[in-house]
Amino acid sequence: MGALRLPSFSLLRPSSYPFRRLPSGGATAAGSARIHSIAKAAEAALTGDRKAAAPPAVQEGLVTPRSVDFNAWYLDVIAQAELADYGPVRGTMVIRPYGYAIWEAIQDYLNVKFKETGHSNMYFPQFIPYSFIEKEASHVEGFSPELAVVTIGGGKELEEKLVVRPTSETIVNHMFTQWIHSYRDLPLMVNQWANVTRWEMRTKPFVRTLEFLWQEGHTAHATLEEAEKEAMQMINVYKDFAYTQAAIPVITGRKSRSETFAGANKTYTIEAMMGDKKALQAGTSHNLGQNFSRAFGTMFTDENGQRQHVWQTSWAVSTRFVGGIIMTHGDDAGLLLPPRIAPIQVVIVPIWKKSDERTSILEAVAVVRDILKDAGIRVKVDDSDQHTPGWKFNFWEMKGVPLRIELGPRDVANKSVVVSRRDVPGKPGKEFGISMEPSILVSHVKTRLEEIQESLLQRAISFRDSNIVDVSSYGELKEVIAEGKWARGPWAASDAEELKVKEETSATIRCFPFEQPEGEKKCFMTGNPAEEVAIFAKSY
């Protein structure tokens, strides 16, 4: 699979891992600059001045503003939202429960889609004989710099080196050769959820680490047409997930020859624009043709009794998608999660000033929680005594929870709640006096969650479209890339000229989009007629 592969990396060199060590929570030394403002917000909440209770959106001293240093902001959000932490081995990370819950939401959606399209889950071994990797020439050439190799086992040198799984095409073909004999055994369509090891030199949490999690699908078919249909079907499954669940407006298309997965005939991709305008390859689907089946002798007897090599596909998305969600939607207040993939969709913060108010408020909170939970809404109550309401507001904003419900003495008396949207800061995002009557409350919360989901998508579409520029010359492309934007233009040049663009601008062809403009086109590099436009951008 090629979703995270970069074509030429040296071996990993010792250096510091790129997480920033920051104190957890908000009321620590690093957050001292905010104590006064948070305390004022908490005091306002306790005294019933709910409009003044909203604390400042930016956690000064905790999160670097995106506009100041996007990479530092990204690392700060991961640390403060408790998504991941250092692993003991340089280049690895520990995915914390909240970060893993986002990955589980991705798994839950895709698992259903995989099974709906006829695939079955299974598991292949993590250790692969080195000879398997060598069987497909372009495959070993593409992955060799990134391989982790085991040479000793049980205290003895192994007879054959073992590769720690960088991807599974080789071992899958070894097994397919034993399972496929006749056309009646086809199509064979499987998927596995697994970890992968690639010895990366430059690491970035979730986006590129020595070990990461993914799913990889593998299929075998009787014809080229069936394999092509499968490869297209799966890239569209990824596209639909990106749009409808992650609210990320990806561009779907075909990779250039030089960017195609090692061992594939064609690679299809979904490309996402991050908040710093860099491209993220968020998922790929490969038409492998017969490259691996010829290398491994994976054959079947067709209906005419003739022996044929199978046609194959492979496709994958990984925990890289979590990084994409952070970088697409997050802001200076932290993480901002689309409701459909948020582990917690609504957090309830009870507010009381006097001890005799506590019982009645918590009873009302329990009622609200049960109403929402019974309606299928993922809800969390933060009734801890260790922190003020203002601190809690900031904490759950940092974790990107789409909606916050506040409930104090006045609300209990009025049988109502206050609802705050994470995507609309301050007073404009607050609604007062929302009835606790079950049908009204559930309808209101579900409507707001859908509005947030759509708002995040439309915001991302607007950002993407405003940062893609059509170009008609190489000079224009250079200017656009220098501005940090994506360049789109007709392309019919050679691989060597594509490499020239990369060397001179650090931009690569992200894809030839499936949606192409009509009319005649002239390659901006050569002046020759061009059949399609390509998108160039700097990328992760």
Protein backbone atom coordinates (compact mmCIF):
# COMPACT_ATOMS: atom_id res chain seq x y z
CA MET A 1 0.00 0.00 0.00
CA GLY A 2 1.29 3.48 -0.75
CA ALA A 3 -0.76 5.88 1.34
CA LEU A 4 2.18 7.03 3.43
CA ARG A 5 5.19 5.99 1.35
CA LEU A 6 7.68 8.60 0.30
CA PRO A 7 9.94 7.48 -2.52
CA SER A 8 13.43 8.11 -1.15
CA PHE A 9 14.31 8.28 2.53
CA SER A 10 17.63 7.56 4.16
CA LEU A 11 17.83 5.48 7.31
CA LEU A 12 16.54 7.04 10.48
CA ARG A 13 19.04 9.25 12.28
CA PRO A 14 18.90 9.94 16.02
CA SER A 15 17.22 13.23 16.83
CA SER A 16 14.54 14.54 19.13
CA TYR A 17 10.99 13.46 18.51
CA PRO A 18 8.78 16.39 17.41
CA PHE A 19 6.23 16.50 20.24
CA ARG A 20 6.48 19.57 22.42
CA ARG A 21 6.48 18.82 26.11
CA LEU A 22 3.65 20.89 27.53
CA PRO A 23 1.87 20.70 30.86
CA SER A 24 -1.50 19.02 30.73
CA GLY A 25 -4.68 20.85 31.55
CA GLY A 26 -5.03 24.60 31.94
CA ALA A 27 -4.28 25.54 35.56
CA THR A 28 -0.54 24.86 35.45
CA ALA A 29 2.63 26.93 35.24
CA ALA A 30 2.39 27.21 31.46
CA GLY A 31 -1.14 28.48 31.81
CA SER A 32 -0.44 31.09 34.47
CA ALA A 33 -1.04 33.89 31.98
CA ARG A 34 -4.65 32.79 31.76
CA ILE A 35 -5.49 32.16 35.42
CA HIS A 36 -6.95 35.61 35.93
CA SER A 37 -9.18 35.47 32.83
CA ILE A 38 -10.36 31.94 33.58
CA ALA A 39 -11.08 32.85 37.18
CA LYS A 40 -13.16 35.80 36.03
CA ALA A 41 -15.10 33.55 33.68
CA ALA A 42 -15.69 31.02 36.45
CA GLU A 43 -16.83 33.75 38.83
CA ALA A 44 -19.25 35.05 36.21
CA ALA A 45 -20.64 31.54 35.71
CA LEU A 46 -21.10 31.02 39.43
CA THR A 47 -22.84 34.34 39.94
CA GLY A 48 -25.23 33.71 37.09
CA ASP A 49 -23.74 36.16 34.57
CA ARG A 50 -23.76 33.54 31.82
CA LYS A 51 -23.00 35.90 28.92
CA ALA A 52 -19.80 37.01 30.61
CA ALA A 53 -18.86 33.45 31.54
CA ALA A 54 -17.28 32.47 28.23
CA PRO A 55 -13.47 32.46 28.70
CA PRO A 56 -11.10 33.69 25.98
CA ALA A 57 -10.87 31.27 23.06
CA VAL A 58 -7.08 31.21 22.79
CA GLN A 59 -5.25 29.36 25.56
CA GLU A 60 -2.28 31.69 25.90
CA GLY A 61 0.87 29.91 26.92
CA LEU A 62 -0.63 26.53 25.99
CA VAL A 63 -1.22 26.61 22.25
CA THR A 64 0.88 28.46 19.70
CA PRO A 65 -1.43 30.42 17.36
CA ARG A 66 -1.79 28.78 13.96
CA SER A 67 -0.80 31.97 12.18
CA VAL A 68 2.46 32.21 14.15
CA ASP A 69 3.78 28.66 13.71
CA PHE A 70 1.48 26.05 12.19
CA ASN A 71 3.69 23.10 13.05
CA ALA A 72 4.09 24.19 16.67
CA TRP A 73 0.32 24.75 16.87
CA TYR A 74 -0.29 21.24 15.55
CA LEU A 75 2.02 19.64 18.12
CA ASP A 76 0.54 21.74 20.92
CA VAL A 77 -2.99 20.65 20.06
CA ILE A 78 -1.99 16.98 20.02
CA ALA A 79 -0.42 17.33 23.47
CA GLN A 80 -3.12 19.50 25.05
CA ALA A 81 -6.09 17.63 23.57
CA GLU A 82 -4.50 14.41 24.89
CA LEU A 83 -4.42 12.70 21.51
CA ALA A 84 -0.93 11.18 21.62
CA ASP A 85 2.40 11.24 23.43
CA TYR A 86 6.00 10.14 22.99
CA GLY A 87 6.89 6.53 22.45
CA PRO A 88 10.13 5.31 24.06
CA VAL A 89 11.65 4.63 20.62
CA ARG A 90 12.47 7.69 18.55
CA GLY A 91 9.90 8.13 15.77
CA THR A 92 7.09 6.27 17.53
CA MET A 93 4.06 7.60 19.36
CA VAL A 94 1.58 6.37 21.93
CA ILE A 95 -1.97 7.02 20.77
CA ARG A 96 -3.91 8.05 23.86
CA PRO A 97 -7.54 6.99 24.45
CA TYR A 98 -9.09 10.16 23.02
CA GLY A 99 -6.94 10.00 19.89
CA TYR A 100 -7.67 6.30 19.50
CA ALA A 101 -11.41 6.96 19.85
CA ILE A 102 -11.21 9.14 16.73
CA TRP A 103 -9.45 6.29 14.92
CA GLU A 104 -12.20 3.94 16.13
CA ALA A 105 -14.82 6.25 14.61
CA ILE A 106 -12.97 5.97 11.29
CA GLN A 107 -12.84 2.18 11.68
CA ASP A 108 -16.53 1.92 12.54
CA TYR A 109 -17.63 3.73 9.39
CA LEU A 110 -15.22 2.04 7.01
CA ASN A 111 -15.82 -1.46 8.41
CA VAL A 112 -19.49 -1.17 7.51
CA LYS A 113 -18.67 0.07 4.01
CA PHE A 114 -16.08 -2.66 3.42
CA LYS A 115 -18.56 -5.37 4.35
CA GLU A 116 -21.34 -3.76 2.31
CA THR A 117 -19.05 -3.97 -0.73
CA GLY A 118 -18.29 -7.65 -0.19
CA HIS A 119 -15.01 -7.64 1.73
CA SER A 120 -14.12 -9.81 4.73
CA ASN A 121 -11.70 -8.91 7.52
CA MET A 122 -8.73 -11.17 8.23
CA TYR A 123 -5.13 -10.88 9.41
CA PHE A 124 -1.71 -11.57 7.85
CA PRO A 125 1.56 -12.04 9.80
CA GLN A 126 3.69 -9.02 10.65
CA PHE A 127 6.95 -10.76 9.70
CA ILE A 128 7.62 -11.25 5.99
CA PRO A 129 10.53 -13.22 4.49
CA TYR A 130 12.97 -10.83 2.83
CA SER A 131 12.88 -12.94 -0.32
CA PHE A 132 9.19 -12.03 -0.75
CA ILE A 133 10.04 -8.33 -0.92
CA GLU A 134 12.70 -9.01 -3.57
CA LYS A 135 10.31 -10.80 -5.94
CA GLU A 136 8.73 -7.63 -7.35
CA ALA A 137 11.55 -5.38 -8.59
CA SER A 138 9.92 -1.94 -8.36
CA HIS A 139 8.43 -2.85 -4.99
CA VAL A 140 11.77 -3.61 -3.33
CA GLU A 141 13.35 -0.56 -4.95
CA GLY A 142 10.61 1.71 -3.62
CA PHE A 143 10.54 0.36 -0.08
CA SER A 144 14.15 -0.68 0.56
CA PRO A 145 15.23 2.56 2.35
CA GLU A 146 12.31 2.26 4.78
CA LEU A 147 12.51 -1.40 5.77
CA ALA A 148 12.96 -2.58 9.33
CA VAL A 149 14.74 -5.95 9.14
CA VAL A 150 14.98 -8.67 11.81
CA THR A 151 18.18 -10.74 11.69
CA ILE A 152 18.20 -12.39 15.15
CA GLY A 153 15.47 -14.46 16.77
CA GLY A 154 15.63 -16.50 19.96
CA GLY A 155 19.23 -15.42 20.42
CA LYS A 156 20.31 -16.93 17.09
CA GLU A 157 20.95 -15.45 13.68
CA LEU A 158 18.05 -16.24 11.35
CA GLU A 159 18.57 -18.29 8.21
CA GLU A 160 16.61 -15.66 6.28
CA LYS A 161 16.10 -12.04 7.22
CA LEU A 162 12.56 -11.03 8.10
CA VAL A 163 11.00 -7.71 7.16
CA VAL A 164 8.63 -6.07 9.66
CA ARG A 165 5.51 -5.41 7.59
CA PRO A 166 5.85 -2.17 5.54
CA THR A 167 2.79 -3.24 3.52
CA SER A 168 1.36 -6.67 2.72
CA GLU A 169 1.14 -7.15 -1.06
CA THR A 170 3.91 -9.76 -1.02
CA ILE A 171 2.64 -11.98 1.78
CA VAL A 172 -0.92 -11.59 0.52
CA ASN A 173 0.12 -12.94 -2.88
CA HIS A 174 1.97 -15.81 -1.26
CA MET A 175 -1.29 -16.83 0.43
CA PHE A 176 -3.55 -16.03 -2.53
CA THR A 177 -1.44 -18.44 -4.59
CA GLN A 178 -2.45 -21.21 -2.18
CA TRP A 179 -6.12 -20.25 -2.02
CA ILE A 180 -6.93 -19.40 -5.65
CA HIS A 181 -7.16 -22.24 -8.15
CA SER A 182 -10.24 -21.69 -10.29
CA TYR A 183 -12.38 -18.82 -11.57
CA ARG A 184 -14.88 -20.03 -8.98
CA ASP A 185 -12.49 -18.77 -6.26
CA LEU A 186 -12.74 -15.22 -7.64
CA PRO A 187 -13.17 -12.49 -6.76
CA LEU A 188 -11.28 -12.85 -3.48
CA MET A 189 -11.68 -9.66 -1.43
CA VAL A 190 -10.18 -9.19 2.04
CA ASN A 191 -9.18 -6.40 4.40
CA GLN A 192 -7.01 -6.25 7.48
CA TRP A 193 -6.63 -3.71 10.28
CA ALA A 194 -2.98 -3.76 11.27
CA ASN A 195 0.14 -1.86 12.21
CA VAL A 196 2.87 -1.03 9.72
CA THR A 197 6.55 -0.17 10.20
CA ARG A 198 8.48 2.19 7.91
CA TRP A 199 11.83 3.56 8.98
CA GLU A 200 11.16 7.23 8.35
CA MET A 201 13.79 9.94 8.70
CA ARG A 202 11.44 12.90 9.26
CA THR A 203 8.56 12.20 11.60
CA LYS A 204 5.37 14.07 12.39
CA PRO A 205 2.78 12.62 14.78
CA PHE A 206 -0.12 10.90 13.02
CA VAL A 207 1.15 12.09 9.63
CA ARG A 208 4.42 10.17 9.46
CA THR A 209 5.77 7.90 12.20
CA LEU A 210 7.99 4.84 12.33
CA GLU A 211 4.95 2.71 13.16
CA PHE A 212 1.35 3.56 12.32
CA LEU A 213 -2.07 1.93 12.16
CA TRP A 214 -4.10 1.40 9.02
CA GLN A 215 -6.44 -0.81 7.10
CA GLU A 216 -5.27 -2.39 3.88
CA GLY A 217 -7.60 -4.08 1.45
CA HIS A 218 -6.45 -6.68 -1.06
CA THR A 219 -8.49 -8.17 -3.88
CA ALA A 220 -7.97 -10.60 -6.75
CA HIS A 221 -10.11 -10.67 -9.92
CA ALA A 222 -10.48 -12.58 -13.14
CA THR A 223 -10.25 -9.53 -15.43
CA LEU A 224 -8.58 -6.16 -15.68
CA GLU A 225 -11.98 -4.49 -15.90
CA GLU A 226 -13.12 -5.99 -12.59
CA ALA A 227 -9.90 -4.87 -10.88
CA GLU A 228 -10.27 -1.34 -12.26
CA LYS A 229 -13.89 -1.18 -11.10
CA GLU A 230 -12.80 -2.29 -7.62
CA ALA A 231 -9.96 0.27 -7.39
CA MET A 232 -12.36 3.05 -8.38
CA GLN A 233 -15.06 1.83 -6.01
CA MET A 234 -12.73 1.94 -3.02
CA ILE A 235 -11.28 5.38 -3.70
CA ASN A 236 -14.88 6.60 -3.84
CA VAL A 237 -15.59 4.93 -0.47
CA TYR A 238 -12.70 6.98 0.94
CA LYS A 239 -13.93 10.15 -0.75
CA ASP A 240 -17.42 9.68 0.69
CA PHE A 241 -15.97 9.17 4.17
CA ALA A 242 -13.86 12.31 3.87
CA TYR A 243 -16.83 14.45 2.80
CA THR A 244 -19.68 13.03 4.86
CA GLN A 245 -17.91 12.06 8.10
CA ALA A 246 -14.63 13.98 8.39
CA ALA A 247 -15.98 17.12 6.61
CA ILE A 248 -12.79 17.24 4.53
CA PRO A 249 -13.39 18.20 0.86
CA VAL A 250 -10.78 16.03 -0.81
CA ILE A 251 -9.91 16.12 -4.48
CA THR A 252 -10.02 12.68 -6.06
CA GLY A 253 -7.77 11.77 -8.95
CA ARG A 254 -4.98 9.69 -10.47
CA LYS A 255 -1.34 9.90 -9.49
CA SER A 256 1.36 10.63 -12.05
CA ARG A 257 3.71 7.82 -13.11
CA SER A 258 6.46 8.99 -10.78
CA GLU A 259 4.07 9.20 -7.81
CA THR A 260 2.40 5.83 -8.46
CA PHE A 261 2.75 3.15 -5.77
CA ALA A 262 5.74 0.86 -6.29
CA GLY A 263 4.34 -2.20 -8.10
CA ALA A 264 1.06 -0.65 -9.28
CA ASN A 265 -0.17 0.18 -12.78
CA LYS A 266 -2.30 3.05 -11.49
CA THR A 267 -2.72 4.79 -8.16
CA TYR A 268 -5.84 6.76 -7.29
CA THR A 269 -5.75 9.23 -4.43
CA ILE A 270 -7.76 11.60 -2.27
CA GLU A 271 -5.84 14.83 -1.67
CA ALA A 272 -6.79 17.20 1.16
CA MET A 273 -5.74 20.80 1.74
CA MET A 274 -4.56 21.39 5.29
CA GLY A 275 -4.83 24.66 7.23
CA ASP A 276 -1.32 25.69 6.13
CA LYS A 277 -2.30 24.95 2.49
CA LYS A 278 -0.02 21.93 2.20
CA ALA A 279 -1.50 18.81 0.61
CA LEU A 280 -2.11 15.63 2.54
CA GLN A 281 -2.45 12.34 0.68
CA ALA A 282 -5.28 10.99 2.80
CA GLY A 283 -5.96 7.65 1.13
CA THR A 284 -4.98 5.63 -1.94
CA SER A 285 -6.33 2.82 -4.09
CA HIS A 286 -4.08 0.91 -6.48
CA ASN A 287 -4.76 -1.08 -9.60
CA LEU A 288 -1.87 -3.54 -9.36
CA GLY A 289 -2.55 -5.16 -12.71
CA GLN A 290 -0.74 -8.52 -12.84
CA ASN A 291 2.59 -7.28 -11.46
CA PHE A 292 2.45 -9.16 -8.18
CA SER A 293 0.56 -12.17 -9.51
CA ARG A 294 3.26 -12.72 -12.14
CA ALA A 295 6.02 -12.32 -9.55
CA PHE A 296 4.37 -14.86 -7.22
CA GLY A 297 2.69 -17.10 -9.77
CA THR A 298 -0.83 -16.33 -8.51
CA MET A 299 -2.96 -18.01 -11.19
CA PHE A 300 -6.40 -19.48 -11.79
CA THR A 301 -8.02 -21.74 -14.34
CA ASP A 302 -10.59 -19.78 -16.33
CA GLU A 303 -13.92 -21.05 -17.68
CA ASN A 304 -12.19 -22.28 -20.83
CA GLY A 305 -9.66 -24.32 -18.89
CA GLN A 306 -6.82 -21.86 -19.53
CA ARG A 307 -4.39 -20.81 -16.80
CA GLN A 308 -4.40 -17.03 -16.19
CA HIS A 309 -2.73 -14.64 -13.77
CA VAL A 310 -5.16 -12.82 -11.49
CA TRP A 311 -5.67 -9.06 -11.63
CA GLN A 312 -5.32 -7.30 -8.29
CA THR A 313 -5.96 -4.17 -6.24
CA SER A 314 -4.89 -2.85 -2.87
CA TRP A 315 -6.11 0.22 -0.98
CA ALA A 316 -5.55 1.88 2.40
CA VAL A 317 -6.18 4.71 4.81
CA SER A 318 -4.32 5.13 8.06
CA THR A 319 -4.07 7.10 11.29
CA ARG A 320 -2.75 9.85 9.01
CA PHE A 321 -6.43 10.75 8.63
CA VAL A 322 -6.51 11.80 12.30
CA GLY A 323 -3.75 14.30 11.55
CA GLY A 324 -5.75 15.51 8.56
CA ILE A 325 -8.80 16.17 10.72
CA ILE A 326 -6.70 18.17 13.20
CA MET A 327 -5.04 20.27 10.50
CA THR A 328 -8.22 20.88 8.51
CA HIS A 329 -10.58 22.01 11.26
CA GLY A 330 -8.55 22.96 14.34
CA ASP A 331 -8.18 26.57 15.48
CA ASP A 332 -6.36 28.59 18.12
CA ALA A 333 -8.63 27.16 20.82
CA GLY A 334 -7.50 23.63 19.92
CA LEU A 335 -9.12 20.67 18.26
CA LEU A 336 -12.43 21.07 16.42
CA LEU A 337 -14.12 17.79 15.58
CA PRO A 338 -16.90 17.13 13.07
CA PRO A 339 -19.83 15.75 15.12
CA ARG A 340 -20.12 12.49 13.16
CA ILE A 341 -16.64 11.35 14.18
CA ALA A 342 -16.39 13.10 17.55
CA PRO A 343 -16.00 10.60 20.42
CA ILE A 344 -18.02 13.02 22.56
CA GLN A 345 -20.65 15.06 20.74
CA VAL A 346 -22.02 16.93 23.76
CA VAL A 347 -20.38 17.75 27.08
CA ILE A 348 -22.57 18.85 29.99
CA VAL A 349 -21.04 21.23 32.53
CA PRO A 350 -23.06 21.71 35.73
CA ILE A 351 -22.65 25.05 37.50
CA TRP A 352 -23.44 25.75 41.15
CA LYS A 353 -22.37 28.32 43.68
CA LYS A 354 -23.83 26.99 46.92
CA SER A 355 -23.46 23.44 48.20
CA ASP A 356 -27.23 23.04 48.60
CA GLU A 357 -27.64 23.69 44.85
CA ARG A 358 -25.39 20.81 43.89
CA THR A 359 -27.88 17.96 44.35
CA SER A 360 -30.72 19.49 42.36
CA ILE A 361 -28.40 20.56 39.55
CA LEU A 362 -26.77 17.14 39.25
CA GLU A 363 -30.19 15.50 39.22
CA ALA A 364 -31.22 17.76 36.34
CA VAL A 365 -27.92 17.03 34.59
CA ALA A 366 -28.57 13.29 34.88
CA VAL A 367 -32.01 13.76 33.29
CA VAL A 368 -30.53 15.75 30.39
CA ARG A 369 -27.74 13.20 29.95
CA ASP A 370 -30.19 10.28 29.80
CA ILE A 371 -32.47 12.11 27.34
CA LEU A 372 -29.57 12.67 24.94
CA LYS A 373 -28.03 9.25 25.48
CA ASP A 374 -31.34 7.52 24.74
CA ALA A 375 -31.50 9.51 21.50
CA GLY A 376 -28.16 8.03 20.39
CA ILE A 377 -26.10 11.14 21.12
CA ARG A 378 -22.61 10.62 22.55
CA VAL A 379 -22.63 12.64 25.76
CA LYS A 380 -20.23 13.27 28.65
CA VAL A 381 -20.93 14.90 32.03
CA ASP A 382 -18.05 16.80 33.63
CA ASP A 383 -19.16 16.99 37.26
CA SER A 384 -15.66 16.93 38.75
CA ASP A 385 -14.98 19.16 41.74
CA GLN A 386 -11.31 19.76 40.94
CA HIS A 387 -11.83 22.51 38.36
CA THR A 388 -14.00 25.57 37.84
CA PRO A 389 -16.64 25.81 35.10
CA GLY A 390 -14.41 28.22 33.19
CA TRP A 391 -11.53 25.74 33.23
CA LYS A 392 -13.89 23.01 32.00
CA PHE A 393 -15.15 25.20 29.16
CA ASN A 394 -11.59 25.65 27.91
CA PHE A 395 -10.65 22.02 28.41
CA TRP A 396 -13.52 20.65 26.34
CA GLU A 397 -13.06 23.31 23.70
CA MET A 398 -9.45 22.16 23.44
CA LYS A 399 -10.67 18.60 22.89
CA GLY A 400 -12.96 19.79 20.10
CA VAL A 401 -16.33 18.66 21.52
CA PRO A 402 -18.92 20.13 19.10
CA LEU A 403 -21.55 21.19 21.66
CA ARG A 404 -21.45 22.22 25.32
CA ILE A 405 -24.53 22.30 27.57
CA GLU A 406 -24.39 24.45 30.69
CA LEU A 407 -26.84 23.95 33.50
CA GLY A 408 -27.03 26.15 36.61
CA PRO A 409 -29.59 27.05 39.31
CA ARG A 410 -31.51 29.45 37.10
CA ASP A 411 -31.71 26.84 34.33
CA VAL A 412 -33.02 24.21 36.72
CA ALA A 413 -35.71 26.59 37.89
CA ASN A 414 -36.69 27.38 34.30
CA LYS A 415 -36.37 23.76 33.15
CA SER A 416 -33.99 24.88 30.40
CA VAL A 417 -30.31 24.70 29.41
CA VAL A 418 -27.69 26.86 27.69
CA VAL A 419 -26.18 25.42 24.51
CA SER A 420 -22.79 26.58 23.13
CA ARG A 421 -21.32 25.71 19.72
CA ARG A 422 -17.61 24.93 19.49
CA ASP A 423 -17.38 26.25 15.92
CA VAL A 424 -18.89 29.66 16.77
CA PRO A 425 -16.85 31.34 19.56
CA GLY A 426 -18.31 33.65 22.17
CA LYS A 427 -21.81 35.05 22.42
CA PRO A 428 -22.84 34.33 18.80
CA GLY A 429 -22.45 30.61 19.53
CA LYS A 430 -24.51 30.62 22.75
CA GLU A 431 -28.23 29.88 22.97
CA PHE A 432 -30.15 30.45 26.20
CA GLY A 433 -33.40 29.01 27.46
CA ILE A 434 -33.47 25.77 25.45
CA SER A 435 -36.25 23.65 26.93
CA MET A 436 -35.39 20.41 28.75
CA GLU A 437 -38.56 18.83 27.36
CA PRO A 438 -37.16 15.68 25.67
CA SER A 439 -38.52 16.13 22.15
CA ILE A 440 -37.51 19.80 22.02
CA LEU A 441 -34.05 19.24 23.50
CA VAL A 442 -33.20 16.25 21.31
CA SER A 443 -34.40 17.99 18.16
CA HIS A 444 -32.42 21.12 19.00
CA VAL A 445 -29.20 19.26 19.76
CA LYS A 446 -29.40 17.05 16.66
CA THR A 447 -30.11 20.06 14.47
CA ARG A 448 -27.14 21.95 15.85
CA LEU A 449 -24.84 18.95 15.40
CA GLU A 450 -25.87 18.66 11.75
CA GLU A 451 -25.37 22.39 11.29
CA ILE A 452 -21.87 22.15 12.73
CA GLN A 453 -21.05 19.20 10.46
CA GLU A 454 -22.18 21.11 7.39
CA SER A 455 -20.57 24.36 8.50
CA LEU A 456 -17.17 22.70 8.89
CA LEU A 457 -17.42 21.16 5.43
CA GLN A 458 -18.47 24.40 3.75
CA ARG A 459 -15.75 26.32 5.57
CA ALA A 460 -13.15 23.82 4.35
CA ILE A 461 -14.50 23.92 0.78
CA SER A 462 -14.30 27.72 0.75
CA PHE A 463 -10.73 27.63 2.09
CA ARG A 464 -9.68 25.01 -0.47
CA ASP A 465 -11.25 26.72 -3.47
CA SER A 466 -9.83 30.13 -2.57
CA ASN A 467 -6.32 28.67 -2.50
CA ILE A 468 -6.29 26.78 -5.81
CA VAL A 469 -5.05 28.96 -8.68
CA ASP A 470 -5.24 28.12 -12.39
CA VAL A 471 -1.92 28.66 -14.19
CA SER A 472 -0.95 28.79 -17.87
CA SER A 473 2.85 29.03 -17.60
CA TYR A 474 5.67 27.61 -15.52
CA GLY A 475 6.41 31.10 -14.25
CA GLU A 476 2.86 31.42 -12.94
CA LEU A 477 3.17 28.03 -11.24
CA LYS A 478 6.33 29.14 -9.47
CA GLU A 479 4.61 32.27 -8.19
CA VAL A 480 1.57 30.37 -6.94
CA ILE A 481 3.65 27.73 -5.16
CA ALA A 482 5.84 30.44 -3.61
CA GLU A 483 2.64 31.92 -2.13
CA GLY A 484 1.92 28.54 -0.53
CA LYS A 485 -1.12 27.80 -2.70
CA TRP A 486 -2.03 24.94 -5.04
CA ALA A 487 -1.45 25.39 -8.78
CA ARG A 488 -3.74 23.78 -11.36
CA GLY A 489 -2.86 23.69 -15.03
CA PRO A 490 -2.75 21.59 -18.23
CA TRP A 491 0.08 19.06 -18.16
CA ALA A 492 1.54 16.79 -20.83
CA ALA A 493 5.23 17.01 -19.98
CA SER A 494 7.76 14.28 -19.28
CA ASP A 495 8.75 12.63 -16.02
CA ALA A 496 12.03 14.56 -16.21
CA GLU A 497 10.18 17.86 -16.41
CA GLU A 498 7.97 16.79 -13.50
CA LEU A 499 11.15 16.18 -11.51
CA LYS A 500 12.41 19.62 -12.50
CA VAL A 501 9.29 21.22 -11.02
CA LYS A 502 9.83 19.28 -7.80
CA GLU A 503 13.49 20.23 -7.54
CA GLU A 504 12.88 23.92 -8.28
CA THR A 505 9.67 24.50 -6.31
CA SER A 506 9.38 21.55 -3.84
CA ALA A 507 5.91 20.95 -5.31
CA THR A 508 4.74 17.66 -6.78
CA ILE A 509 1.82 16.59 -8.91
CA ARG A 510 -0.78 15.70 -6.31
CA CYS A 511 -3.12 14.20 -8.89
CA PHE A 512 -4.86 14.50 -12.22
CA PRO A 513 -8.37 15.22 -10.90
CA PHE A 514 -11.24 13.05 -12.09
CA GLU A 515 -13.24 16.25 -12.62
CA GLN A 516 -11.61 17.90 -15.61
CA PRO A 517 -12.48 21.18 -17.39
CA GLU A 518 -13.82 20.92 -20.89
CA GLY A 519 -12.21 22.42 -23.99
CA GLU A 520 -8.79 22.39 -25.59
CA LYS A 521 -5.78 22.56 -23.31
CA LYS A 522 -2.12 23.44 -23.84
CA CYS A 523 0.58 22.15 -21.48
CA PHE A 524 1.96 25.10 -19.52
CA MET A 525 5.41 23.50 -19.51
CA THR A 526 5.87 22.43 -23.15
CA GLY A 527 3.14 24.22 -25.10
CA ASN A 528 1.99 20.89 -26.51
CA PRO A 529 -1.67 19.82 -26.51
CA ALA A 530 -2.73 18.39 -23.14
CA GLU A 531 -5.62 16.06 -22.36
CA GLU A 532 -5.94 16.92 -18.68
CA VAL A 533 -4.99 19.35 -15.95
CA ALA A 534 -2.85 18.44 -12.96
CA ILE A 535 -2.70 19.89 -9.46
CA PHE A 536 0.71 20.82 -8.02
CA ALA A 537 1.33 21.56 -4.35
CA LYS A 538 3.80 21.19 -1.54
CA SER A 539 2.80 18.29 0.64
CA TYR A 540 3.30 16.34 3.84
